[in-house]
Amino acid sequence: MRADAVCVLGGGLWGRALASAAARAGSAVTLITSRSLPALEGVACTPEVGVAADHTLIVVAVPSAHVRDAATRLAPHLSGAHFLVHGVRGLVGDAQATVSDVLAEETPVKRLGALGGPVLAAELAEGEPSVMVVGSRFREVVDLVRERLGTETLRLYATRDLRGLEWASALTGCYAIAIGYALGAAAGPGLVAAFTTRVAHEAARVAYAAGGETATALGLGGLGDLLAASGQSTRPEILVGRALAAGASIADAARATGERVEAIPLLPRVAAWSARARVRAPILTALVGALSGEAPKEALIRALMSAPIVELSREEEARSGARAA
């Protein structure tokens, strides 16, 4: 098993971007995919899952709906000596299991991690200056990911709050649709800024209820990602929101991106989870209503303008700080 070898599972745009980033860092990279792809410099492609056994670091980059299947296919080829990291912006099933939870359940790997933060797949693929966050409870996972992916143009920050990063990443995708709608509705800069701030605090409440830290949701993996999304005109979630504001159906808006948008099937599940957990999430609720056609799309703006501002209490903040410590 080679310490300088990186295996990426998933031949979509995100998987190819991660494979290219690892190759630029000097890693020996294998991309596991059944797709017929154009050649990627420094990347070997194969449909054989078993090659993962020869790579110390394996990065999972498949849609959340396929994570469990991918994990069960990987499991026979992995051991406790491997490092398993994912770059999936999603949660699994109605229980909203994190991807790392699924990987822990289905594989023998213990040293797990996740990638998130304000990065666009197209920019990462081209080697443009980018920032990511790697989350893991194991320092050796953070160090290896930095060594095998980090370059002068890719800066990797770290957090021990793996759960918080996974929830922040998933929620950012959901709320980015709302920001895209605000942009498409020609909201002024002040209103967009207010919307983004309110969205960030709502996401922090949801992530906190799920067991994450508020600092993570309000850091690079959450708020930073949201701020980047508002300026990334080609980001799929922003395109969906803009299309909705222009009157498109959710199906047409999704097709227009040319990509699978994890947030679309995730939104109603997260909203239902938040309701069961008794977390106030008026923007999330309004967004689900707008996507389903059960509520006018203008409800998103009303949710911002009319709902009272509710921040975390001092007691909640203290508990969150205690968790982080």
Protein backbone atom coordinates (compact mmCIF):
# COMPACT_ATOMS: atom_id res chain seq x y z
CA MET A 1 0.00 0.00 0.00
CA ARG A 2 1.57 3.27 -1.17
CA ALA A 3 1.54 6.25 1.18
CA ASP A 4 1.81 8.67 -1.76
CA ALA A 5 -1.15 7.11 -3.60
CA VAL A 6 -4.65 8.60 -3.69
CA CYS A 7 -7.72 6.77 -4.95
CA VAL A 8 -10.86 8.74 -5.89
CA LEU A 9 -14.15 6.90 -6.24
CA GLY A 10 -16.56 8.70 -8.57
CA GLY A 11 -16.11 9.99 -12.11
CA GLY A 12 -18.44 13.00 -11.92
CA LEU A 13 -17.25 16.59 -12.17
CA TRP A 14 -16.37 16.74 -8.47
CA GLY A 15 -14.53 13.43 -8.47
CA ARG A 16 -12.50 14.44 -11.52
CA ALA A 17 -11.67 17.79 -9.93
CA LEU A 18 -10.42 16.12 -6.74
CA ALA A 19 -8.36 13.63 -8.76
CA SER A 20 -6.76 16.47 -10.74
CA ALA A 21 -6.01 18.37 -7.52
CA ALA A 22 -4.27 15.32 -6.05
CA ALA A 23 -2.25 14.82 -9.24
CA ARG A 24 -1.07 18.46 -9.15
CA ALA A 25 0.13 17.83 -5.60
CA GLY A 26 2.38 15.05 -6.88
CA SER A 27 0.27 12.13 -5.71
CA ALA A 28 -0.07 8.89 -7.66
CA VAL A 29 -3.79 9.04 -8.47
CA THR A 30 -6.28 6.38 -9.53
CA LEU A 31 -9.85 7.35 -10.40
CA ILE A 32 -12.39 4.55 -10.06
CA THR A 33 -15.20 5.10 -12.55
CA SER A 34 -17.17 3.15 -15.11
CA ARG A 35 -17.53 6.28 -17.28
CA SER A 36 -15.60 6.82 -20.47
CA LEU A 37 -13.69 10.01 -19.69
CA PRO A 38 -11.20 12.24 -21.47
CA ALA A 39 -7.66 11.67 -20.24
CA LEU A 40 -6.74 13.55 -17.06
CA GLU A 41 -3.08 14.44 -16.63
CA GLY A 42 -1.45 12.30 -13.95
CA VAL A 43 -4.63 10.27 -13.33
CA ALA A 44 -5.14 6.58 -14.14
CA CYS A 45 -8.77 5.49 -14.63
CA THR A 46 -10.23 2.06 -13.94
CA PRO A 47 -13.65 0.54 -13.19
CA GLU A 48 -12.08 -1.95 -10.74
CA VAL A 49 -12.96 -1.10 -7.12
CA GLY A 50 -10.36 -3.51 -5.81
CA VAL A 51 -7.49 -1.17 -6.69
CA ALA A 52 -8.47 0.92 -3.66
CA ALA A 53 -6.63 -1.59 -1.50
CA ASP A 54 -3.28 -0.33 -2.83
CA HIS A 55 -3.92 3.32 -1.86
CA THR A 56 -3.50 4.71 1.64
CA LEU A 57 -5.98 7.55 1.08
CA ILE A 58 -9.35 6.91 -0.56
CA VAL A 59 -11.66 9.81 -1.41
CA VAL A 60 -15.35 9.08 -2.00
CA ALA A 61 -17.02 11.48 -4.44
CA VAL A 62 -20.35 9.92 -5.39
CA PRO A 63 -23.92 11.24 -4.93
CA SER A 64 -25.24 10.75 -1.39
CA ALA A 65 -27.91 8.33 -2.67
CA HIS A 66 -25.12 5.98 -3.80
CA VAL A 67 -22.83 6.31 -0.77
CA ARG A 68 -23.98 3.17 1.02
CA ASP A 69 -23.66 1.05 -2.11
CA ALA A 70 -20.20 2.50 -2.77
CA ALA A 71 -19.15 1.76 0.81
CA THR A 72 -20.28 -1.86 0.63
CA ARG A 73 -18.35 -2.33 -2.62
CA LEU A 74 -15.23 -0.80 -1.09
CA ALA A 75 -15.44 -2.63 2.24
CA PRO A 76 -13.89 -6.00 1.21
CA HIS A 77 -10.80 -4.17 -0.05
CA LEU A 78 -10.20 -1.92 2.97
CA SER A 79 -8.78 -2.33 6.45
CA GLY A 80 -7.98 -0.26 9.52
CA ALA A 81 -4.76 0.82 7.80
CA HIS A 82 -6.64 2.95 5.23
CA PHE A 83 -7.75 6.57 5.44
CA LEU A 84 -11.25 7.24 4.05
CA VAL A 85 -12.39 10.79 3.25
CA HIS A 86 -15.45 11.97 1.37
CA GLY A 87 -16.39 15.10 -0.52
CA VAL A 88 -20.17 14.57 -0.60
CA ARG A 89 -22.48 17.57 -0.02
CA GLY A 90 -25.36 15.55 1.32
CA LEU A 91 -26.92 13.44 4.04
CA VAL A 92 -28.21 9.90 3.77
CA GLY A 93 -31.79 8.67 4.28
CA ASP A 94 -34.69 10.12 6.23
CA ALA A 95 -32.64 9.94 9.43
CA GLN A 96 -30.11 12.35 7.86
CA ALA A 97 -27.11 10.14 8.59
CA THR A 98 -23.83 11.82 7.76
CA VAL A 99 -21.73 10.23 5.05
CA SER A 100 -18.96 9.50 7.55
CA ASP A 101 -21.51 7.63 9.70
CA VAL A 102 -22.39 5.43 6.71
CA LEU A 103 -18.73 4.83 5.88
CA ALA A 104 -18.10 3.84 9.51
CA GLU A 105 -21.05 1.44 9.47
CA GLU A 106 -20.20 -0.25 6.17
CA THR A 107 -16.38 -0.40 6.15
CA PRO A 108 -13.64 -1.42 8.61
CA VAL A 109 -11.96 2.01 8.28
CA LYS A 110 -11.77 4.05 11.49
CA ARG A 111 -9.76 7.07 10.32
CA LEU A 112 -12.45 9.04 8.51
CA GLY A 113 -12.79 12.60 7.28
CA ALA A 114 -14.74 14.98 5.04
CA LEU A 115 -13.99 17.80 2.63
CA GLY A 116 -16.01 21.01 2.41
CA GLY A 117 -15.67 24.76 2.14
CA PRO A 118 -15.90 27.50 -0.49
CA VAL A 119 -14.61 25.73 -3.57
CA LEU A 120 -16.19 25.28 -7.00
CA ALA A 121 -15.49 22.03 -8.85
CA ALA A 122 -14.66 23.80 -12.12
CA GLU A 123 -12.15 26.09 -10.40
CA LEU A 124 -10.53 23.16 -8.58
CA ALA A 125 -10.30 21.18 -11.81
CA GLU A 126 -8.48 24.05 -13.54
CA GLY A 127 -6.06 24.58 -10.67
CA GLU A 128 -7.35 28.07 -9.87
CA PRO A 129 -6.68 29.40 -6.34
CA SER A 130 -9.11 27.59 -4.03
CA VAL A 131 -9.76 26.99 -0.35
CA MET A 132 -11.17 23.83 1.24
CA VAL A 133 -11.79 22.55 4.75
CA VAL A 134 -10.86 19.04 5.85
CA GLY A 135 -12.70 17.74 8.89
CA SER A 136 -11.60 14.76 10.97
CA ARG A 137 -11.22 13.68 14.57
CA PHE A 138 -7.83 12.25 13.61
CA ARG A 139 -4.88 14.57 13.13
CA GLU A 140 -3.17 12.06 10.86
CA VAL A 141 -6.11 12.24 8.44
CA VAL A 142 -5.83 16.03 8.23
CA ASP A 143 -2.07 15.84 7.73
CA LEU A 144 -2.31 13.22 4.98
CA VAL A 145 -5.04 15.07 3.09
CA ARG A 146 -3.02 18.28 3.22
CA GLU A 147 0.08 16.43 2.02
CA ARG A 148 -1.65 14.62 -0.83
CA LEU A 149 -3.96 17.42 -2.08
CA GLY A 150 -2.51 20.73 -0.91
CA THR A 151 -0.57 22.95 -3.31
CA GLU A 152 0.24 26.62 -3.72
CA THR A 153 -3.16 27.07 -5.32
CA LEU A 154 -5.16 24.85 -2.94
CA ARG A 155 -5.15 25.81 0.74
CA LEU A 156 -6.64 23.30 3.19
CA TYR A 157 -7.92 24.44 6.58
CA ALA A 158 -8.82 21.95 9.30
CA THR A 159 -11.51 21.27 11.89
CA ARG A 160 -12.06 18.48 14.39
CA ASP A 161 -15.81 19.04 14.10
CA LEU A 162 -16.44 16.42 11.43
CA ARG A 163 -20.18 16.27 12.05
CA GLY A 164 -20.54 20.03 11.96
CA LEU A 165 -18.64 20.28 8.67
CA GLU A 166 -20.79 17.59 7.04
CA TRP A 167 -24.03 19.26 8.12
CA ALA A 168 -22.73 22.72 7.17
CA SER A 169 -21.78 21.48 3.69
CA ALA A 170 -25.16 19.84 3.15
CA LEU A 171 -27.09 22.85 4.43
CA THR A 172 -25.04 25.28 2.36
CA GLY A 173 -26.15 23.49 -0.77
CA CYS A 174 -29.77 23.82 0.32
CA TYR A 175 -29.63 27.47 1.31
CA ALA A 176 -27.58 28.44 -1.76
CA ILE A 177 -30.74 27.82 -3.78
CA ALA A 178 -32.47 30.51 -1.69
CA ILE A 179 -29.59 32.92 -2.28
CA GLY A 180 -29.76 32.16 -6.00
CA TYR A 181 -33.44 32.99 -5.92
CA ALA A 182 -32.77 36.30 -4.18
CA LEU A 183 -30.16 37.15 -6.81
CA GLY A 184 -32.48 36.13 -9.62
CA ALA A 185 -35.28 38.22 -8.15
CA ALA A 186 -32.98 41.26 -8.47
CA ALA A 187 -32.81 41.84 -4.74
CA GLY A 188 -30.48 44.69 -3.84
CA PRO A 189 -27.04 44.10 -2.30
CA GLY A 190 -28.31 45.03 1.16
CA LEU A 191 -31.16 42.55 1.02
CA VAL A 192 -28.91 39.80 -0.35
CA ALA A 193 -26.44 40.46 2.49
CA ALA A 194 -29.24 40.34 5.06
CA PHE A 195 -30.60 37.17 3.49
CA THR A 196 -27.18 35.51 3.54
CA THR A 197 -26.65 36.45 7.19
CA ARG A 198 -30.08 35.19 8.24
CA VAL A 199 -29.56 31.99 6.28
CA ALA A 200 -26.20 31.43 8.00
CA HIS A 201 -27.72 31.77 11.47
CA GLU A 202 -30.63 29.50 10.58
CA ALA A 203 -28.18 26.90 9.23
CA ALA A 204 -26.15 27.20 12.45
CA ARG A 205 -29.26 26.43 14.53
CA VAL A 206 -30.01 23.34 12.44
CA ALA A 207 -26.39 22.13 12.49
CA TYR A 208 -26.19 22.69 16.25
CA ALA A 209 -29.33 20.62 16.80
CA ALA A 210 -27.72 17.86 14.73
CA GLY A 211 -24.67 17.78 17.01
CA GLY A 212 -22.32 20.14 15.20
CA GLU A 213 -20.63 23.27 16.50
CA THR A 214 -21.97 26.73 15.68
CA ALA A 215 -18.42 27.94 14.97
CA THR A 216 -18.18 25.43 12.13
CA ALA A 217 -21.45 26.54 10.53
CA LEU A 218 -20.39 30.17 10.82
CA GLY A 219 -16.86 29.48 9.52
CA LEU A 220 -15.39 28.56 6.14
CA GLY A 221 -17.40 25.35 5.87
CA GLY A 222 -20.72 27.16 6.29
CA LEU A 223 -20.90 30.95 6.07
CA GLY A 224 -17.71 31.10 3.98
CA ASP A 225 -19.22 28.61 1.57
CA LEU A 226 -22.45 30.63 1.38
CA LEU A 227 -20.57 33.86 0.68
CA ALA A 228 -18.61 32.13 -2.07
CA ALA A 229 -21.84 30.70 -3.51
CA SER A 230 -23.36 34.17 -3.91
CA GLY A 231 -20.44 35.14 -6.14
CA GLN A 232 -20.20 31.87 -8.08
CA SER A 233 -22.53 32.45 -11.03
CA THR A 234 -22.04 28.90 -12.36
CA ARG A 235 -22.61 27.09 -9.07
CA PRO A 236 -25.46 24.59 -9.68
CA GLU A 237 -27.52 25.60 -6.63
CA ILE A 238 -27.31 29.28 -7.58
CA LEU A 239 -28.40 28.44 -11.12
CA VAL A 240 -31.40 26.52 -9.75
CA GLY A 241 -32.42 29.45 -7.54
CA ARG A 242 -32.08 31.94 -10.39
CA ALA A 243 -34.15 29.72 -12.68
CA LEU A 244 -36.88 29.46 -10.05
CA ALA A 245 -36.95 33.23 -9.72
CA ALA A 246 -37.42 33.43 -13.50
CA GLY A 247 -40.48 31.21 -13.27
CA ALA A 248 -39.01 27.80 -14.17
CA SER A 249 -40.26 24.62 -12.56
CA ILE A 250 -37.90 22.80 -10.24
CA ALA A 251 -37.51 20.00 -12.82
CA ASP A 252 -36.57 22.45 -15.57
CA ALA A 253 -34.28 24.38 -13.23
CA ALA A 254 -32.43 21.18 -12.28
CA ARG A 255 -32.03 20.07 -15.90
CA ALA A 256 -30.61 23.46 -16.85
CA THR A 257 -27.58 22.94 -14.59
CA GLY A 258 -26.48 19.79 -16.40
CA GLU A 259 -25.49 18.30 -13.03
CA ARG A 260 -27.08 16.38 -10.19
CA VAL A 261 -27.95 18.91 -7.48
CA GLU A 262 -27.78 17.12 -4.11
CA ALA A 263 -29.78 19.87 -2.40
CA ILE A 264 -33.00 19.31 -4.35
CA PRO A 265 -33.93 15.88 -2.87
CA LEU A 266 -32.26 16.80 0.42
CA LEU A 267 -34.28 19.97 1.12
CA PRO A 268 -37.62 18.38 2.07
CA ARG A 269 -35.86 15.76 4.19
CA VAL A 270 -33.89 18.36 6.14
CA ALA A 271 -37.01 20.50 6.60
CA ALA A 272 -38.91 17.50 7.95
CA TRP A 273 -36.00 16.62 10.24
CA SER A 274 -35.85 20.22 11.55
CA ALA A 275 -39.57 20.16 12.28
CA ARG A 276 -39.22 16.92 14.23
CA ALA A 277 -36.25 18.39 16.13
CA ARG A 278 -38.29 21.56 16.81
CA VAL A 279 -35.71 23.82 15.22
CA ARG A 280 -36.99 27.13 13.86
CA ALA A 281 -36.16 27.17 10.16
CA PRO A 282 -38.61 29.54 8.40
CA ILE A 283 -36.39 30.12 5.36
CA LEU A 284 -35.90 26.39 4.88
CA THR A 285 -39.66 25.83 5.20
CA ALA A 286 -40.44 28.61 2.70
CA LEU A 287 -37.87 27.21 0.28
CA VAL A 288 -39.42 23.75 0.37
CA GLY A 289 -42.82 25.29 -0.27
CA ALA A 290 -41.47 27.23 -3.22
CA LEU A 291 -39.80 24.15 -4.71
CA SER A 292 -42.95 22.04 -4.37
CA GLY A 293 -45.20 24.74 -5.79
CA GLU A 294 -47.31 24.72 -2.62
CA ALA A 295 -46.27 28.26 -1.70
CA PRO A 296 -45.53 31.33 -3.83
CA LYS A 297 -41.83 31.84 -4.48
CA GLU A 298 -42.14 35.31 -2.95
CA ALA A 299 -42.52 33.51 0.39
CA LEU A 300 -38.73 33.26 0.53
CA ILE A 301 -38.39 37.03 0.70
CA ARG A 302 -41.27 37.29 3.17
CA ALA A 303 -39.60 34.68 5.39
CA LEU A 304 -36.60 36.97 5.60
CA MET A 305 -38.48 40.21 6.10
CA SER A 306 -41.19 39.12 8.55
CA ALA A 307 -39.73 36.37 10.73
CA PRO A 308 -38.30 37.49 14.09
CA ILE A 309 -34.56 37.31 14.55
CA VAL A 310 -33.73 34.44 16.90
CA GLU A 311 -30.10 33.75 17.71
CA LEU A 312 -28.60 31.04 19.86
CA SER A 313 -29.09 31.62 23.56
CA ARG A 314 -26.07 32.10 25.82
CA GLU A 315 -26.78 28.68 27.29
CA GLU A 316 -26.69 27.08 23.83
CA GLU A 317 -23.48 28.92 22.97
CA ALA A 318 -21.90 27.77 26.22
CA ARG A 319 -22.86 24.15 25.52
CA SER A 320 -21.50 24.44 22.00
CA GLY A 321 -18.21 25.76 23.35
CA ALA A 322 -18.06 22.93 25.86
CA ARG A 323 -18.52 20.42 23.03
CA ALA A 324 -15.69 22.00 21.06
CA ALA A 325 -13.37 21.85 24.03
